[in-house]
């Protein structure tokens, strides 16, 4: 089940910290999801993402939350929405997702390594 990566492989993945600045319902999604707008700082800027995190989080609770996302995947069309990054979280039973966050406030755009 495990496939080993090289250090070079890992270095290709751009995981960054960003702050959610907007969270909206996404009624066109096949599974319950939010449309997120995330600020990754001046180098990367604002990115959008769709996230199936409605079981655990309200839209209001997401505003201002710092999360971890992969920012160098190709854009992905999800219904009528273009997702520009992949928000990371642990996936539990029945798709119960807990977002990966920073335990202290840090600068938006910092790389995870």
C-alpha atoms as a PDB file:
ATOM      1  CA  UNK A   1       0.000   0.000   0.000  1.00  0.00           C
ATOM      2  CA  UNK A   2       2.847   2.411   0.698  1.00  0.00           C
ATOM      3  CA  UNK A   3       4.895   3.806  -2.128  1.00  0.00           C
ATOM      4  CA  UNK A   4       8.158   5.406  -1.089  1.00  0.00           C
ATOM      5  CA  UNK A   5       8.920   8.896  -2.340  1.00  0.00           C
ATOM      6  CA  UNK A   6      12.339  10.349  -2.801  1.00  0.00           C
ATOM      7  CA  UNK A   7      13.277  13.620  -1.125  1.00  0.00           C
ATOM      8  CA  UNK A   8      13.216  15.175  -4.605  1.00  0.00           C
ATOM      9  CA  UNK A   9       9.606  13.996  -5.046  1.00  0.00           C
ATOM     10  CA  UNK A  10       8.596  15.563  -1.725  1.00  0.00           C
ATOM     11  CA  UNK A  11      10.277  18.860  -2.580  1.00  0.00           C
ATOM     12  CA  UNK A  12       8.021  19.173  -5.644  1.00  0.00           C
ATOM     13  CA  UNK A  13       4.900  19.397  -3.473  1.00  0.00           C
ATOM     14  CA  UNK A  14       4.195  23.030  -2.551  1.00  0.00           C
ATOM     15  CA  UNK A  15       2.296  22.831   0.736  1.00  0.00           C
ATOM     16  CA  UNK A  16       1.625  26.306   2.089  1.00  0.00           C
ATOM     17  CA  UNK A  17      -0.213  27.941   4.980  1.00  0.00           C
ATOM     18  CA  UNK A  18      -3.119  30.183   4.060  1.00  0.00           C
ATOM     19  CA  UNK A  19      -5.982  31.960   5.798  1.00  0.00           C
ATOM     20  CA  UNK A  20      -9.585  31.358   4.753  1.00  0.00           C
ATOM     21  CA  UNK A  21     -11.104  34.750   3.970  1.00  0.00           C
ATOM     22  CA  UNK A  22     -14.409  33.580   2.493  1.00  0.00           C
ATOM     23  CA  UNK A  23     -16.538  30.434   2.726  1.00  0.00           C
ATOM     24  CA  UNK A  24     -19.680  29.900   0.660  1.00  0.00           C
ATOM     25  CA  UNK A  25     -22.164  27.101   0.116  1.00  0.00           C
ATOM     26  CA  UNK A  26     -21.557  25.012  -2.997  1.00  0.00           C
ATOM     27  CA  UNK A  27     -24.988  23.663  -3.970  1.00  0.00           C
ATOM     28  CA  UNK A  28     -23.756  22.431  -7.381  1.00  0.00           C
ATOM     29  CA  UNK A  29     -21.278  19.990  -5.766  1.00  0.00           C
ATOM     30  CA  UNK A  30     -22.220  16.293  -5.877  1.00  0.00           C
ATOM     31  CA  UNK A  31     -21.239  15.871  -2.207  1.00  0.00           C
ATOM     32  CA  UNK A  32     -21.790  18.598   0.418  1.00  0.00           C
ATOM     33  CA  UNK A  33     -18.942  21.115   0.143  1.00  0.00           C
ATOM     34  CA  UNK A  34     -17.951  24.728   0.582  1.00  0.00           C
ATOM     35  CA  UNK A  35     -16.282  27.058  -1.865  1.00  0.00           C
ATOM     36  CA  UNK A  36     -13.321  28.600  -0.052  1.00  0.00           C
ATOM     37  CA  UNK A  37     -11.284  31.705  -0.836  1.00  0.00           C
ATOM     38  CA  UNK A  38      -7.840  31.456   0.758  1.00  0.00           C
ATOM     39  CA  UNK A  39      -5.126  34.099   1.175  1.00  0.00           C
ATOM     40  CA  UNK A  40      -1.625  32.643   0.700  1.00  0.00           C
ATOM     41  CA  UNK A  41       0.224  35.962   1.031  1.00  0.00           C
ATOM     42  CA  UNK A  42       1.911  38.208  -1.513  1.00  0.00           C
ATOM     43  CA  UNK A  43       3.984  35.558  -3.320  1.00  0.00           C
ATOM     44  CA  UNK A  44       1.072  33.226  -4.150  1.00  0.00           C
ATOM     45  CA  UNK A  45      -1.954  35.448  -3.603  1.00  0.00           C
ATOM     46  CA  UNK A  46      -5.592  34.447  -3.342  1.00  0.00           C
ATOM     47  CA  UNK A  47      -6.666  30.940  -4.388  1.00  0.00           C
ATOM     48  CA  UNK A  48     -10.043  29.201  -4.473  1.00  0.00           C
ATOM     49  CA  UNK A  49     -10.797  25.647  -3.438  1.00  0.00           C
ATOM     50  CA  UNK A  50     -13.744  23.338  -2.976  1.00  0.00           C
ATOM     51  CA  UNK A  51     -13.687  21.390   0.284  1.00  0.00           C
ATOM     52  CA  UNK A  52     -15.996  18.664   1.588  1.00  0.00           C
ATOM     53  CA  UNK A  53     -15.770  19.855   5.193  1.00  0.00           C
ATOM     54  CA  UNK A  54     -19.432  20.621   5.951  1.00  0.00           C
ATOM     55  CA  UNK A  55     -19.799  17.860   8.588  1.00  0.00           C
ATOM     56  CA  UNK A  56     -17.376  19.442  11.019  1.00  0.00           C
ATOM     57  CA  UNK A  57     -17.193  23.153  10.116  1.00  0.00           C
ATOM     58  CA  UNK A  58     -19.647  25.998   9.639  1.00  0.00           C
ATOM     59  CA  UNK A  59     -18.891  28.735   7.135  1.00  0.00           C
ATOM     60  CA  UNK A  60     -18.602  31.248   9.974  1.00  0.00           C
ATOM     61  CA  UNK A  61     -16.085  29.111  11.889  1.00  0.00           C
ATOM     62  CA  UNK A  62     -13.867  28.833   8.803  1.00  0.00           C
ATOM     63  CA  UNK A  63     -13.332  32.579   8.335  1.00  0.00           C
ATOM     64  CA  UNK A  64      -9.879  33.505   9.653  1.00  0.00           C
ATOM     65  CA  UNK A  65      -8.785  29.869  10.097  1.00  0.00           C
ATOM     66  CA  UNK A  66      -5.265  29.098   8.887  1.00  0.00           C
ATOM     67  CA  UNK A  67      -5.083  25.880   6.884  1.00  0.00           C
ATOM     68  CA  UNK A  68      -2.529  23.884   4.894  1.00  0.00           C
ATOM     69  CA  UNK A  69      -3.014  23.355   1.159  1.00  0.00           C
ATOM     70  CA  UNK A  70      -1.119  22.113  -1.873  1.00  0.00           C
ATOM     71  CA  UNK A  71      -0.837  25.077  -4.233  1.00  0.00           C
ATOM     72  CA  UNK A  72       0.959  23.570  -7.228  1.00  0.00           C
ATOM     73  CA  UNK A  73      -1.590  21.077  -8.526  1.00  0.00           C
ATOM     74  CA  UNK A  74      -3.219  21.894 -11.861  1.00  0.00           C
ATOM     75  CA  UNK A  75      -6.537  23.709 -11.575  1.00  0.00           C
ATOM     76  CA  UNK A  76      -9.560  21.387 -11.439  1.00  0.00           C
ATOM     77  CA  UNK A  77     -13.073  22.122 -12.690  1.00  0.00           C
ATOM     78  CA  UNK A  78     -15.652  21.012 -10.124  1.00  0.00           C
ATOM     79  CA  UNK A  79     -19.113  21.688 -11.492  1.00  0.00           C
ATOM     80  CA  UNK A  80     -19.244  25.401 -12.280  1.00  0.00           C
ATOM     81  CA  UNK A  81     -16.279  26.166  -9.997  1.00  0.00           C
ATOM     82  CA  UNK A  82     -12.530  26.169 -10.683  1.00  0.00           C
ATOM     83  CA  UNK A  83     -10.525  24.787  -7.756  1.00  0.00           C
ATOM     84  CA  UNK A  84      -6.994  26.259  -7.645  1.00  0.00           C
ATOM     85  CA  UNK A  85      -5.481  24.397  -4.680  1.00  0.00           C
ATOM     86  CA  UNK A  86      -6.043  21.289  -2.559  1.00  0.00           C
ATOM     87  CA  UNK A  87      -6.941  21.905   1.083  1.00  0.00           C
ATOM     88  CA  UNK A  88      -5.457  19.173   3.290  1.00  0.00           C
ATOM     89  CA  UNK A  89      -7.116  17.326   6.131  1.00  0.00           C
ATOM     90  CA  UNK A  90      -7.299  13.948   7.795  1.00  0.00           C
ATOM     91  CA  UNK A  91     -10.161  11.840   6.432  1.00  0.00           C
ATOM     92  CA  UNK A  92     -12.128   9.884   9.018  1.00  0.00           C
ATOM     93  CA  UNK A  93     -15.145   7.615   8.808  1.00  0.00           C
ATOM     94  CA  UNK A  94     -17.940   8.747   6.505  1.00  0.00           C
ATOM     95  CA  UNK A  95     -15.691  11.441   4.997  1.00  0.00           C
ATOM     96  CA  UNK A  96     -15.414  13.342   8.306  1.00  0.00           C
ATOM     97  CA  UNK A  97     -12.495  15.652   7.477  1.00  0.00           C
ATOM     98  CA  UNK A  98     -10.401  17.522  10.050  1.00  0.00           C
ATOM     99  CA  UNK A  99      -8.416  20.345   8.481  1.00  0.00           C
ATOM    100  CA  UNK A 100      -4.628  20.510   8.870  1.00  0.00           C
ATOM    101  CA  UNK A 101      -3.843  23.775  10.633  1.00  0.00           C
ATOM    102  CA  UNK A 102      -1.028  25.608  12.359  1.00  0.00           C
ATOM    103  CA  UNK A 103      -1.171  25.622  16.167  1.00  0.00           C
ATOM    104  CA  UNK A 104       0.165  29.198  16.140  1.00  0.00           C
ATOM    105  CA  UNK A 105      -0.655  32.042  13.773  1.00  0.00           C
ATOM    106  CA  UNK A 106       2.020  32.278  11.089  1.00  0.00           C
ATOM    107  CA  UNK A 107       2.615  34.335   7.963  1.00  0.00           C
ATOM    108  CA  UNK A 108       0.405  33.370   5.025  1.00  0.00           C
ATOM    109  CA  UNK A 109       2.337  31.570   2.310  1.00  0.00           C
ATOM    110  CA  UNK A 110       4.909  29.854   4.528  1.00  0.00           C
ATOM    111  CA  UNK A 111       5.985  26.542   3.064  1.00  0.00           C
ATOM    112  CA  UNK A 112       5.430  23.265   4.903  1.00  0.00           C
ATOM    113  CA  UNK A 113       8.523  21.126   4.956  1.00  0.00           C
END
